[in-house]
Amino acid sequence: MTRISFRLAPLALALLAALPQAHADTAPTTSEAAALGELKATTLALIDALVEQGLLTRAKADELLRRAKAAGDAVAAGSPAPLPAETGWGAPRSVVRVPYLSDSTRARIKDEVRNEVLIAAREEGWTDGRRLPGWLRSVSIDGDIRVRAQDEMFANDNVAPEIFHAQTDSPAWAPDLTNTRNDRQRATLRARVGFHAKASDSFSGTVRLATGSTTGSPTSESVTAGNDGNRFSIGVDRASVRWEPLQGNRLDAGRMGVPFDGSDLTWPDDMGLDGLAGHGELDMASGLYGFATAGGFALSEFANSQKDKALVGGQLGLDWAFGDAWQLRVAAGAYNFRNVQGVRENELPPTGALAGVAPYQNSAYPAAIRQKGNTLINLNAPTSTAAPVWGLASRFKPVDLSLSLTARHYNPYEVNFSFHVVKNTGFDNDDIQRRAGTTAVADLKDKTLGYQARLQFGHAKLIEPGQWQVFAAFRHLERDAWIDAYTDTTWHLGGTNYKGFSVGGQYAFDNKATLGLRFTSTRNLDDNVRFLSIPGDPSSISGNLSSAPLKIDVLQLETNLKF
């Protein structure tokens, strides 16, 4: 029972009992009659408020009114009737006689009633829907805050970063690495708040703000603490509208979360896409339905070229609930990253009137977003002496298959096993050699496969105190299986061309508040390409930088609050 039920209900009952007495014992003046009428109206309104809030049943309210009327009738006939000893609120009651209510007394009672109602309205979130716009009643807000301590540990025998930086011609790998040997400890923060508005039964919209760089990695919303006391950047992370005329059949437009099934092998949790996506579902049998998703998304748009970079993709899947506690979900997808492959320029940059007007090196792979692992080619003209401008060697037309099997035999716990595999079908050595303008890439090996297996046990959701989850995962991601800019930043600190494992768990220590611990260990893949770093010296046998040793361990301790 809330505060108002204990404090206002006895007051309402006493006022109802007092009103007939005041009329019976004196002959009120016109002003007194008006004041008593106002007091009666206030009391009746108070009882109605108690009923509306569920603190008093309508039957009980009617009973109180009936008893008050009976008391008033008895007083008017000259035989005041006392209230019953028990009023229903759990405490004995005595007769309340008010022979006369002075102006000051009436004012005090009126103020007390008003103040009690206002306090209760503030504390319990009452509102008058008639005073609010209709759209505001359909707006909801949610969000989360994550604070993480992260320890990044590098093996002492990793190849030095300056070796990677020294690459100037095709092919090249990870030319942006700045640290491969020095351990790093840092704290990061991620904060998000989303606003969801439902305009009608079929039309809704979402806007979400989040921390994170607007020019750096598109797959992480975390920011590193330690910015000389300056504030963190906030950006629009989601801004989309949804039309869903039938449940499970929808169309989304704007900036949205990734609409495709899969895992963080290809679709990191923080990633968003800008474009249009449609999703449909079809009931096929009891416990079985099929679904399809398709979409087109802008990646880079150019003002002076029609070769914009974009992603188009589609996916088909099945969701099957069978037996007493089994659920299987399978999805297969095909994607085409258009115009992301690098094309070497044959001429030097345009000058004069053509400078900045004619498209030049639009196929470059921007340094701000690329991570590490993909095979790169130098896009500069053969006669250029400028610093290398890197582009992706391979085209990217990946296909993937994801599977998730859940067992709910151990209520309230469940076991989930998932497997995800991706293969880039766009890799073609002859095509790479033609675009790179050099035979140095002719012997590139096809390293275009990635897969991940993951096992999780615990509660399905971490909402209430005491709930928990634990997991273990293994991943193998070859260098050109996926675009390294769109990869998870925990595994290998982002990028491709590695294998490793990750283990961890989360525990809910309060409502929607969790504590998590995760350890991830990865090492570079070796494609077994060997050469003599010093020609003629057999002892200088080495490998290309795709095979260079790079072992990274990451330990993360975090707390996450959702609201």
Protein backbone atom coordinates (compact mmCIF):
# COMPACT_ATOMS: atom_id res chain seq x y z
CA MET A 1 0.00 0.00 0.00
CA THR A 2 1.45 3.38 -0.95
CA ARG A 3 1.70 6.49 1.13
CA ILE A 4 -1.56 8.01 -0.08
CA SER A 5 -3.61 4.97 0.95
CA PHE A 6 -2.62 5.38 4.61
CA ARG A 7 -2.73 9.15 4.85
CA LEU A 8 -5.57 10.23 2.59
CA ALA A 9 -8.11 7.45 3.08
CA PRO A 10 -8.75 8.14 6.82
CA LEU A 11 -8.91 11.86 6.05
CA ALA A 12 -11.52 11.27 3.35
CA LEU A 13 -13.55 9.10 5.71
CA ALA A 14 -13.44 11.68 8.51
CA LEU A 15 -14.48 14.47 6.18
CA LEU A 16 -17.43 12.48 4.92
CA ALA A 17 -18.54 11.84 8.48
CA ALA A 18 -18.09 15.47 9.45
CA LEU A 19 -20.03 17.00 6.61
CA PRO A 20 -23.55 15.95 7.82
CA GLN A 21 -22.73 17.03 11.37
CA ALA A 22 -21.79 20.47 10.26
CA HIS A 23 -25.13 20.84 8.53
CA ALA A 24 -27.11 19.51 11.47
CA ASP A 25 -25.65 21.41 14.41
CA THR A 26 -25.81 24.91 12.99
CA ALA A 27 -27.75 26.83 10.45
CA PRO A 28 -25.04 27.73 7.97
CA THR A 29 -24.93 31.04 6.21
CA THR A 30 -24.77 31.22 2.45
CA SER A 31 -20.97 31.54 2.51
CA GLU A 32 -20.66 28.64 4.95
CA ALA A 33 -22.92 26.48 2.79
CA ALA A 34 -20.75 27.25 -0.24
CA ALA A 35 -17.58 26.42 1.71
CA LEU A 36 -19.03 23.14 2.96
CA GLY A 37 -20.17 22.30 -0.55
CA GLU A 38 -16.63 22.93 -1.81
CA LEU A 39 -15.22 20.74 0.98
CA LYS A 40 -17.66 17.95 0.11
CA ALA A 41 -16.73 18.16 -3.58
CA THR A 42 -13.04 18.04 -2.70
CA THR A 43 -13.55 14.98 -0.52
CA LEU A 44 -15.56 13.16 -3.18
CA ALA A 45 -12.87 13.98 -5.74
CA LEU A 46 -10.27 12.58 -3.36
CA ILE A 47 -12.18 9.30 -3.07
CA ASP A 48 -12.45 9.11 -6.87
CA ALA A 49 -8.66 9.62 -7.11
CA LEU A 50 -8.10 6.76 -4.66
CA VAL A 51 -10.30 4.51 -6.81
CA GLU A 52 -8.54 5.51 -10.05
CA GLN A 53 -5.14 4.74 -8.55
CA GLY A 54 -6.28 1.30 -7.43
CA LEU A 55 -5.84 2.16 -3.76
CA LEU A 56 -9.55 1.87 -3.02
CA THR A 57 -12.09 -0.34 -4.74
CA ARG A 58 -15.23 1.17 -6.18
CA ALA A 59 -17.32 -1.08 -3.92
CA LYS A 60 -15.51 0.24 -0.83
CA ALA A 61 -15.94 3.83 -2.05
CA ASP A 62 -19.67 3.31 -2.57
CA GLU A 63 -19.91 1.77 0.89
CA LEU A 64 -18.21 4.83 2.43
CA LEU A 65 -20.59 7.15 0.63
CA ARG A 66 -23.60 5.10 1.70
CA ARG A 67 -22.52 5.16 5.37
CA ALA A 68 -21.86 8.89 5.24
CA LYS A 69 -25.31 9.52 3.78
CA ALA A 70 -26.92 7.33 6.44
CA ALA A 71 -25.07 9.25 9.14
CA GLY A 72 -26.21 12.53 7.68
CA ASP A 73 -29.84 11.40 7.50
CA ALA A 74 -29.71 10.23 11.10
CA VAL A 75 -28.30 13.56 12.27
CA ALA A 76 -30.95 15.46 10.34
CA ALA A 77 -33.66 13.38 12.13
CA GLY A 78 -32.16 14.29 15.54
CA SER A 79 -30.48 10.96 16.29
CA PRO A 80 -26.83 11.01 15.18
CA ALA A 81 -25.64 7.62 14.08
CA PRO A 82 -22.05 6.71 14.98
CA LEU A 83 -19.75 5.15 12.41
CA PRO A 84 -19.15 1.43 12.81
CA ALA A 85 -16.21 0.48 14.99
CA GLU A 86 -14.40 -1.02 12.00
CA THR A 87 -14.16 1.03 8.79
CA GLY A 88 -12.34 -1.48 6.64
CA TRP A 89 -8.94 0.26 6.86
CA GLY A 90 -7.71 -1.97 9.64
CA ALA A 91 -8.12 0.38 12.64
CA PRO A 92 -11.04 1.10 15.03
CA ARG A 93 -12.89 4.31 14.33
CA SER A 94 -14.92 6.57 16.66
CA VAL A 95 -17.67 9.08 15.90
CA VAL A 96 -16.33 12.35 14.59
CA ARG A 97 -18.52 15.34 15.56
CA VAL A 98 -17.82 18.75 14.13
CA PRO A 99 -20.40 21.18 15.48
CA TYR A 100 -18.92 24.07 13.51
CA LEU A 101 -16.10 24.56 10.96
CA SER A 102 -14.51 27.97 11.14
CA ASP A 103 -13.08 29.67 8.06
CA SER A 104 -9.53 28.95 9.22
CA THR A 105 -10.33 25.28 9.85
CA ARG A 106 -11.93 24.84 6.44
CA ALA A 107 -8.94 26.52 4.77
CA ARG A 108 -6.50 24.30 6.67
CA ILE A 109 -8.32 21.09 5.71
CA LYS A 110 -8.53 22.20 2.09
CA ASP A 111 -4.79 22.94 1.99
CA GLU A 112 -3.94 19.61 3.61
CA VAL A 113 -6.02 17.68 1.10
CA ARG A 114 -4.50 19.57 -1.82
CA ASN A 115 -0.94 19.12 -0.55
CA GLU A 116 -1.42 15.40 0.08
CA VAL A 117 -2.76 14.89 -3.44
CA LEU A 118 0.10 16.89 -4.98
CA ILE A 119 2.72 14.95 -3.00
CA ALA A 120 1.20 11.64 -4.03
CA ALA A 121 0.94 12.74 -7.67
CA ARG A 122 4.61 13.72 -7.70
CA GLU A 123 5.88 10.58 -5.97
CA GLU A 124 3.68 8.12 -7.88
CA GLY A 125 3.85 9.74 -11.31
CA TRP A 126 0.18 10.66 -11.71
CA THR A 127 -0.74 12.63 -14.79
CA ASP A 128 -3.83 13.92 -16.48
CA GLY A 129 -3.84 12.41 -19.94
CA ARG A 130 -6.18 15.13 -21.16
CA ARG A 131 -3.47 17.73 -20.59
CA LEU A 132 -0.79 15.82 -22.58
CA PRO A 133 -0.49 15.59 -26.37
CA GLY A 134 -1.50 12.16 -27.64
CA TRP A 135 1.93 11.46 -29.17
CA LEU A 136 3.70 12.05 -25.84
CA ARG A 137 1.75 9.25 -24.17
CA SER A 138 3.25 6.83 -26.72
CA VAL A 139 6.91 7.83 -26.19
CA SER A 140 9.23 5.53 -24.23
CA ILE A 141 12.86 5.98 -23.20
CA ASP A 142 15.56 3.38 -22.58
CA GLY A 143 19.32 3.24 -22.46
CA ASP A 144 22.43 1.81 -20.85
CA ILE A 145 25.74 2.86 -19.31
CA ARG A 146 28.82 0.65 -19.38
CA VAL A 147 32.08 1.35 -17.54
CA ARG A 148 34.95 -0.97 -18.43
CA ALA A 149 38.52 -1.53 -17.28
CA GLN A 150 40.60 -3.09 -20.08
CA ASP A 151 44.08 -4.62 -20.01
CA GLU A 152 45.71 -5.18 -23.42
CA MET A 153 48.71 -7.52 -23.27
CA PHE A 154 51.15 -8.00 -26.18
CA ALA A 155 53.70 -10.80 -26.59
CA ASN A 156 57.33 -9.72 -26.44
CA ASP A 157 58.19 -11.51 -29.68
CA ASN A 158 55.58 -9.67 -31.77
CA VAL A 159 57.00 -7.97 -34.87
CA ALA A 160 57.81 -4.32 -34.13
CA PRO A 161 55.26 -1.75 -35.42
CA GLU A 162 57.84 0.10 -37.49
CA ILE A 163 58.21 -2.98 -39.69
CA PHE A 164 54.54 -2.73 -40.61
CA HIS A 165 54.88 1.03 -41.15
CA ALA A 166 57.75 0.52 -43.57
CA GLN A 167 55.49 -1.04 -46.22
CA THR A 168 55.21 1.17 -49.30
CA ASP A 169 54.04 -1.09 -52.11
CA SER A 170 51.58 -3.85 -52.88
CA PRO A 171 50.71 -6.08 -51.20
CA ALA A 172 50.65 -4.76 -47.64
CA TRP A 173 49.07 -5.74 -44.33
CA ALA A 174 48.25 -3.66 -41.24
CA PRO A 175 50.35 -0.58 -42.16
CA ASP A 176 48.67 1.48 -39.43
CA LEU A 177 49.83 -0.51 -36.41
CA THR A 178 51.45 1.73 -33.79
CA ASN A 179 51.79 -0.67 -30.86
CA THR A 180 52.59 -4.36 -30.92
CA ARG A 181 54.75 -4.84 -27.82
CA ASN A 182 53.75 -2.40 -25.06
CA ASP A 183 51.01 -3.48 -22.68
CA ARG A 184 48.20 -0.97 -22.25
CA GLN A 185 45.73 -0.40 -19.41
CA ARG A 186 42.78 1.92 -19.91
CA ALA A 187 39.23 2.65 -18.84
CA THR A 188 36.42 3.06 -21.35
CA LEU A 189 32.86 4.30 -21.17
CA ARG A 190 29.81 3.68 -23.33
CA ALA A 191 26.54 5.55 -22.74
CA ARG A 192 23.37 5.36 -24.85
CA VAL A 193 19.84 6.70 -24.55
CA GLY A 194 17.04 5.91 -26.98
CA PHE A 195 13.67 7.50 -27.62
CA HIS A 196 10.90 5.42 -29.17
CA ALA A 197 7.69 6.99 -30.44
CA LYS A 198 4.64 5.04 -31.62
CA ALA A 199 2.51 7.24 -33.87
CA SER A 200 -0.05 4.52 -34.62
CA ASP A 201 -0.50 0.76 -34.47
CA SER A 202 1.69 0.36 -37.55
CA PHE A 203 4.03 3.37 -37.61
CA SER A 204 6.82 4.16 -35.16
CA GLY A 205 10.20 5.85 -34.94
CA THR A 206 13.43 5.59 -32.96
CA VAL A 207 16.20 8.06 -32.15
CA ARG A 208 19.21 6.99 -30.07
CA LEU A 209 22.17 9.03 -28.91
CA ALA A 210 25.47 7.36 -28.02
CA THR A 211 29.07 8.07 -27.13
CA GLY A 212 31.78 7.26 -29.64
CA SER A 213 33.74 8.81 -32.46
CA THR A 214 31.93 10.05 -35.56
CA THR A 215 35.05 9.69 -37.70
CA GLY A 216 36.76 6.58 -36.29
CA SER A 217 35.69 2.97 -35.94
CA PRO A 218 32.05 2.41 -36.93
CA THR A 219 31.84 -0.72 -34.78
CA SER A 220 32.53 0.67 -31.30
CA GLU A 221 30.68 3.26 -29.22
CA SER A 222 33.22 3.15 -26.39
CA VAL A 223 35.37 6.16 -25.56
CA THR A 224 38.65 6.03 -23.66
CA ALA A 225 38.84 7.91 -20.37
CA GLY A 226 41.67 10.38 -19.95
CA ASN A 227 40.99 13.33 -22.23
CA ASP A 228 42.50 16.08 -20.07
CA GLY A 229 39.16 16.49 -18.32
CA ASN A 230 37.27 17.23 -21.53
CA ARG A 231 33.80 15.93 -22.31
CA PHE A 232 33.02 12.87 -24.40
CA SER A 233 31.56 13.13 -27.90
CA ILE A 234 27.89 12.27 -28.41
CA GLY A 235 26.39 11.36 -31.79
CA VAL A 236 23.16 10.18 -33.36
CA ASP A 237 23.55 6.41 -33.29
CA ARG A 238 20.02 5.47 -34.44
CA ALA A 239 17.44 7.49 -36.34
CA SER A 240 14.88 5.38 -38.17
CA VAL A 241 11.21 4.99 -38.90
CA ARG A 242 9.35 1.68 -39.05
CA TRP A 243 6.17 0.68 -40.83
CA GLU A 244 4.79 -2.64 -39.60
CA PRO A 245 1.30 -3.22 -41.00
CA LEU A 246 1.37 -6.85 -39.83
CA GLN A 247 3.26 -8.28 -36.88
CA GLY A 248 6.62 -9.59 -38.08
CA ASN A 249 6.37 -7.84 -41.47
CA ARG A 250 8.07 -4.47 -41.45
CA LEU A 251 9.98 -1.86 -43.38
CA ASP A 252 12.73 0.24 -41.74
CA ALA A 253 14.34 3.37 -43.16
CA GLY A 254 17.12 5.55 -41.76
CA ARG A 255 20.02 4.67 -39.49
CA MET A 256 19.27 1.35 -37.81
CA GLY A 257 20.85 -1.63 -36.14
CA VAL A 258 22.03 -4.45 -38.41
CA PRO A 259 18.83 -6.22 -39.55
CA PHE A 260 20.51 -9.53 -40.43
CA ASP A 261 20.89 -12.62 -38.25
CA GLY A 262 24.39 -13.70 -37.33
CA SER A 263 26.98 -13.04 -34.64
CA ASP A 264 29.74 -10.59 -33.78
CA LEU A 265 31.96 -12.53 -36.19
CA THR A 266 30.56 -10.26 -38.90
CA TRP A 267 28.08 -7.90 -37.21
CA PRO A 268 29.45 -6.24 -34.02
CA ASP A 269 26.84 -5.25 -31.44
CA ASP A 270 27.52 -1.49 -31.73
CA MET A 271 27.37 -1.35 -35.53
CA GLY A 272 24.67 0.61 -37.37
CA LEU A 273 23.71 0.86 -41.05
CA ASP A 274 22.22 3.72 -43.07
CA GLY A 275 19.59 2.75 -45.59
CA LEU A 276 16.44 0.72 -46.15
CA ALA A 277 15.60 -2.79 -44.91
CA GLY A 278 12.57 -5.04 -45.19
CA HIS A 279 11.73 -8.07 -43.07
CA GLY A 280 8.93 -10.59 -43.50
CA GLU A 281 7.78 -13.70 -41.65
CA LEU A 282 5.59 -16.62 -42.71
CA ASP A 283 3.98 -19.25 -40.48
CA MET A 284 4.70 -22.64 -42.04
CA ALA A 285 3.54 -25.10 -39.36
CA SER A 286 2.95 -25.32 -35.65
CA GLY A 287 6.11 -23.93 -34.01
CA LEU A 288 7.79 -23.29 -37.38
CA TYR A 289 8.07 -20.06 -39.32
CA GLY A 290 10.29 -18.74 -42.06
CA PHE A 291 11.72 -15.26 -42.41
CA ALA A 292 13.41 -13.15 -45.05
CA THR A 293 15.40 -9.93 -44.77
CA ALA A 294 16.78 -7.69 -47.51
CA GLY A 295 18.31 -4.26 -47.53
CA GLY A 296 20.48 -1.66 -49.20
CA PHE A 297 22.82 0.64 -47.25
CA ALA A 298 25.10 3.56 -48.07
CA LEU A 299 28.75 3.29 -47.00
CA SER A 300 30.46 6.21 -48.75
CA GLU A 301 28.78 8.79 -51.00
CA PHE A 302 30.79 10.97 -53.41
CA ALA A 303 29.77 14.32 -54.83
CA ASN A 304 31.74 13.92 -58.06
CA SER A 305 31.39 10.21 -58.86
CA GLN A 306 28.68 7.62 -59.41
CA LYS A 307 30.83 4.89 -57.85
CA ASP A 308 29.47 5.28 -54.35
CA LYS A 309 30.36 2.55 -51.88
CA ALA A 310 27.34 0.60 -50.71
CA LEU A 311 26.16 -2.67 -49.20
CA VAL A 312 23.27 -4.73 -50.52
CA GLY A 313 22.29 -8.03 -48.97
CA GLY A 314 19.59 -10.57 -48.37
CA GLN A 315 18.96 -13.44 -45.99
CA LEU A 316 16.55 -16.37 -45.65
CA GLY A 317 15.97 -18.31 -42.45
CA LEU A 318 13.87 -20.69 -40.38
CA ASP A 319 12.91 -20.63 -36.73
CA TRP A 320 11.65 -23.93 -35.31
CA ALA A 321 10.43 -24.58 -31.76
CA PHE A 322 10.23 -28.38 -31.36
CA GLY A 323 9.93 -30.86 -28.55
CA ASP A 324 9.20 -29.50 -25.11
CA ALA A 325 12.11 -27.09 -24.80
CA TRP A 326 14.15 -26.90 -28.03
CA GLN A 327 14.50 -24.00 -30.43
CA LEU A 328 16.54 -23.99 -33.65
CA ARG A 329 17.19 -20.89 -35.74
CA VAL A 330 19.08 -21.07 -39.06
CA ALA A 331 19.81 -18.27 -41.52
CA ALA A 332 21.77 -18.03 -44.79
CA GLY A 333 22.74 -14.72 -46.33
CA ALA A 334 24.56 -13.21 -49.30
CA TYR A 335 26.04 -9.70 -49.37
CA ASN A 336 27.76 -7.46 -51.89
CA PHE A 337 30.01 -4.60 -50.78
CA ARG A 338 29.90 -2.52 -53.95
CA ASN A 339 32.87 -0.42 -55.14
CA VAL A 340 34.93 -1.00 -51.99
CA GLN A 341 37.82 -2.63 -53.89
CA GLY A 342 40.87 -0.46 -54.62
CA VAL A 343 41.78 0.60 -58.15
CA ARG A 344 45.26 1.93 -58.84
CA GLU A 345 45.45 5.33 -60.53
CA ASN A 346 47.42 5.56 -63.77
CA GLU A 347 48.05 9.31 -63.61
CA LEU A 348 49.21 11.78 -61.00
CA PRO A 349 46.56 13.79 -59.10
CA PRO A 350 44.63 16.31 -61.23
CA THR A 351 45.87 19.88 -61.06
CA GLY A 352 44.63 23.27 -62.10
CA ALA A 353 40.94 23.53 -62.87
CA LEU A 354 40.50 19.76 -62.45
CA ALA A 355 41.86 19.69 -58.90
CA GLY A 356 39.08 18.60 -56.54
CA VAL A 357 36.59 18.30 -59.42
CA ALA A 358 37.67 15.15 -61.23
CA PRO A 359 37.30 12.02 -59.03
CA TYR A 360 40.65 10.71 -57.84
CA GLN A 361 41.42 7.80 -55.50
CA ASN A 362 37.79 7.48 -54.47
CA SER A 363 38.41 3.75 -54.07
CA ALA A 364 40.83 4.36 -51.18
CA TYR A 365 40.21 2.44 -47.96
CA PRO A 366 40.03 5.29 -45.38
CA ALA A 367 42.69 5.10 -42.70
CA ALA A 368 40.21 6.38 -40.11
CA ILE A 369 38.05 3.26 -40.27
CA ARG A 370 40.37 0.42 -41.37
CA GLN A 371 41.72 -1.77 -38.62
CA LYS A 372 44.12 -4.53 -39.63
CA GLY A 373 44.30 -7.82 -41.49
CA ASN A 374 42.95 -7.21 -45.00
CA THR A 375 45.30 -7.37 -47.98
CA LEU A 376 45.97 -3.84 -49.31
CA ILE A 377 47.32 -2.40 -52.56
CA ASN A 378 48.96 1.00 -53.17
CA LEU A 379 46.66 3.21 -55.28
CA ASN A 380 49.26 5.83 -56.21
CA ALA A 381 50.27 6.21 -59.85
CA PRO A 382 53.46 4.26 -60.73
CA THR A 383 55.47 7.48 -61.03
CA SER A 384 54.21 8.97 -57.74
CA THR A 385 56.64 9.54 -54.88
CA ALA A 386 53.90 10.42 -52.39
CA ALA A 387 53.16 8.37 -49.30
CA PRO A 388 51.12 5.26 -50.08
CA VAL A 389 47.35 5.51 -50.36
CA TRP A 390 45.91 2.11 -49.57
CA GLY A 391 42.93 0.32 -51.06
CA LEU A 392 41.42 -3.12 -50.54
CA ALA A 393 42.96 -5.77 -52.76
CA SER A 394 39.94 -8.07 -52.82
CA ARG A 395 36.35 -7.49 -53.77
CA PHE A 396 33.98 -8.49 -50.99
CA LYS A 397 30.96 -10.65 -51.83
CA PRO A 398 30.61 -12.78 -48.70
CA VAL A 399 28.03 -15.47 -48.02
CA ASP A 400 27.32 -16.72 -44.53
CA LEU A 401 25.42 -19.36 -42.59
CA SER A 402 24.43 -18.98 -38.94
CA LEU A 403 22.89 -21.55 -36.62
CA SER A 404 21.59 -21.21 -33.08
CA LEU A 405 20.30 -24.10 -30.97
CA THR A 406 18.73 -23.40 -27.56
CA ALA A 407 17.76 -25.97 -24.91
CA ARG A 408 15.46 -24.89 -22.08
CA HIS A 409 15.32 -28.14 -20.12
CA TYR A 410 16.96 -26.69 -17.02
CA ASN A 411 14.48 -23.98 -16.09
CA PRO A 412 15.28 -21.21 -15.25
CA TYR A 413 18.57 -21.84 -17.05
CA GLU A 414 19.11 -22.43 -20.74
CA VAL A 415 21.93 -23.71 -22.92
CA ASN A 416 22.68 -22.04 -26.24
CA PHE A 417 25.09 -23.26 -28.92
CA SER A 418 25.71 -21.08 -31.96
CA PHE A 419 27.86 -21.53 -35.04
CA HIS A 420 28.55 -18.93 -37.71
CA VAL A 421 30.63 -19.33 -40.88
CA VAL A 422 31.42 -16.75 -43.58
CA LYS A 423 33.15 -17.11 -46.96
CA ASN A 424 34.18 -14.23 -49.23
CA THR A 425 33.41 -15.28 -52.80
CA GLY A 426 34.74 -12.04 -54.29
CA PHE A 427 38.45 -12.89 -54.02
CA ASP A 428 40.04 -13.27 -57.49
CA ASN A 429 43.81 -13.14 -58.01
CA ASP A 430 43.61 -12.14 -61.67
CA ASP A 431 41.22 -9.30 -60.85
CA ILE A 432 43.45 -8.11 -58.00
CA GLN A 433 46.53 -8.13 -60.23
CA ARG A 434 44.73 -6.11 -62.92
CA ARG A 435 43.55 -3.44 -60.47
CA ALA A 436 46.85 -3.31 -58.55
CA GLY A 437 48.88 -2.78 -61.73
CA THR A 438 51.66 -5.10 -60.50
CA THR A 439 52.60 -8.77 -60.62
CA ALA A 440 53.68 -8.63 -56.96
CA VAL A 441 50.20 -9.75 -55.95
CA ALA A 442 50.03 -12.68 -58.37
CA ASP A 443 50.88 -15.27 -55.72
CA LEU A 444 48.42 -14.14 -53.07
CA LYS A 445 46.80 -17.05 -51.31
CA ASP A 446 43.03 -17.26 -51.01
CA LYS A 447 42.44 -16.64 -47.29
CA THR A 448 38.73 -15.94 -47.23
CA LEU A 449 37.14 -18.20 -44.61
CA GLY A 450 35.93 -17.32 -41.13
CA TYR A 451 34.00 -19.26 -38.49
CA GLN A 452 33.03 -19.06 -34.83
CA ALA A 453 31.54 -21.52 -32.35
CA ARG A 454 30.05 -20.29 -29.08
CA LEU A 455 28.50 -22.02 -26.04
CA GLN A 456 26.53 -20.15 -23.38
CA PHE A 457 24.84 -21.34 -20.18
CA GLY A 458 22.75 -19.45 -17.64
CA HIS A 459 19.68 -17.24 -17.48
CA ALA A 460 18.23 -16.01 -20.74
CA LYS A 461 18.20 -12.40 -19.53
CA LEU A 462 20.01 -10.56 -16.76
CA ILE A 463 17.27 -8.45 -15.20
CA GLU A 464 16.91 -9.47 -11.55
CA PRO A 465 19.60 -9.81 -8.87
CA GLY A 466 21.24 -13.23 -8.79
CA GLN A 467 20.85 -14.03 -12.49
CA TRP A 468 24.01 -14.98 -14.41
CA GLN A 469 25.53 -16.23 -17.68
CA VAL A 470 28.83 -17.84 -18.65
CA PHE A 471 30.20 -18.46 -22.16
CA ALA A 472 33.12 -19.78 -24.16
CA ALA A 473 33.87 -19.13 -27.84
CA PHE A 474 36.45 -20.05 -30.48
CA ARG A 475 37.08 -18.04 -33.63
CA HIS A 476 39.10 -18.41 -36.83
CA LEU A 477 38.97 -15.38 -39.17
CA GLU A 478 41.19 -15.28 -42.24
CA ARG A 479 42.55 -12.04 -43.63
CA ASP A 480 40.10 -11.41 -46.50
CA ALA A 481 36.98 -13.18 -45.21
CA TRP A 482 35.37 -9.89 -44.14
CA ILE A 483 36.17 -6.17 -44.33
CA ASP A 484 38.30 -5.52 -41.27
CA ALA A 485 36.73 -2.07 -40.64
CA TYR A 486 33.45 -3.82 -39.74
CA THR A 487 34.79 -6.23 -37.12
CA ASP A 488 34.50 -6.48 -33.35
CA THR A 489 37.14 -4.44 -31.49
CA THR A 490 37.66 -6.89 -28.62
CA TRP A 491 38.82 -9.89 -30.62
CA HIS A 492 42.48 -9.20 -31.60
CA LEU A 493 41.71 -5.52 -30.83
CA GLY A 494 39.84 -5.40 -34.13
CA GLY A 495 40.50 -6.65 -37.63
CA THR A 496 40.97 -10.02 -39.33
CA ASN A 497 43.71 -12.64 -39.85
CA TYR A 498 43.77 -14.36 -36.46
CA LYS A 499 42.46 -17.27 -34.41
CA GLY A 500 41.76 -17.53 -30.71
CA PHE A 501 39.28 -18.02 -27.91
CA SER A 502 37.21 -15.97 -25.50
CA VAL A 503 35.72 -16.94 -22.11
CA GLY A 504 33.73 -14.94 -19.60
CA GLY A 505 30.54 -14.35 -17.72
CA GLN A 506 28.14 -11.80 -16.28
CA TYR A 507 26.33 -11.57 -12.95
CA ALA A 508 23.34 -9.37 -12.12
CA PHE A 509 24.03 -7.80 -8.72
CA ASP A 510 21.00 -5.50 -8.85
CA ASN A 511 17.97 -4.83 -11.01
CA LYS A 512 19.25 -4.54 -14.61
CA ALA A 513 22.79 -3.98 -13.30
CA THR A 514 25.51 -6.51 -14.15
CA LEU A 515 29.16 -7.15 -13.47
CA GLY A 516 31.09 -8.87 -16.28
CA LEU A 517 34.52 -10.43 -16.75
CA ARG A 518 35.94 -11.55 -20.11
CA PHE A 519 39.32 -12.86 -21.30
CA THR A 520 40.17 -13.07 -25.02
CA SER A 521 43.38 -14.50 -26.46
CA THR A 522 44.28 -14.36 -30.17
CA ARG A 523 47.28 -14.76 -32.44
CA ASN A 524 47.96 -13.99 -36.09
CA LEU A 525 47.36 -16.66 -38.70
CA ASP A 526 50.37 -17.91 -40.64
CA ASP A 527 49.77 -18.40 -44.37
CA ASN A 528 53.16 -20.18 -44.71
CA VAL A 529 54.56 -17.71 -47.23
CA ARG A 530 58.33 -17.53 -46.76
CA PHE A 531 61.13 -15.51 -48.35
CA LEU A 532 64.71 -14.38 -47.68
CA SER A 533 64.65 -10.98 -46.04
CA ILE A 534 68.34 -10.64 -47.02
CA PRO A 535 68.80 -12.10 -50.54
CA GLY A 536 71.43 -14.84 -50.59
CA ASP A 537 71.40 -15.29 -46.80
CA PRO A 538 69.61 -18.57 -45.90
CA SER A 539 69.56 -17.58 -42.21
CA SER A 540 67.34 -14.57 -43.02
CA ILE A 541 64.35 -16.68 -43.97
CA SER A 542 61.18 -14.86 -42.97
CA GLY A 543 57.54 -14.51 -43.97
CA ASN A 544 55.31 -11.80 -45.32
CA LEU A 545 53.64 -9.47 -42.86
CA SER A 546 50.40 -11.38 -43.17
CA SER A 547 52.22 -14.15 -41.30
CA ALA A 548 54.07 -11.89 -38.87
CA PRO A 549 53.73 -12.98 -35.22
CA LEU A 550 51.15 -10.86 -33.41
CA LYS A 551 49.76 -12.31 -30.18
CA ILE A 552 47.29 -10.23 -28.14
CA ASP A 553 45.48 -11.00 -24.88
CA VAL A 554 42.63 -8.77 -23.69
CA LEU A 555 41.13 -8.78 -20.17
CA GLN A 556 37.93 -6.79 -19.57
CA LEU A 557 36.13 -6.06 -16.29
CA GLU A 558 32.95 -4.06 -16.65
CA THR A 559 29.73 -2.97 -15.03
CA ASN A 560 26.64 -2.31 -17.10
CA LEU A 561 23.40 -0.59 -16.09
CA LYS A 562 20.28 -0.69 -18.25
CA PHE A 563 17.21 1.46 -17.80
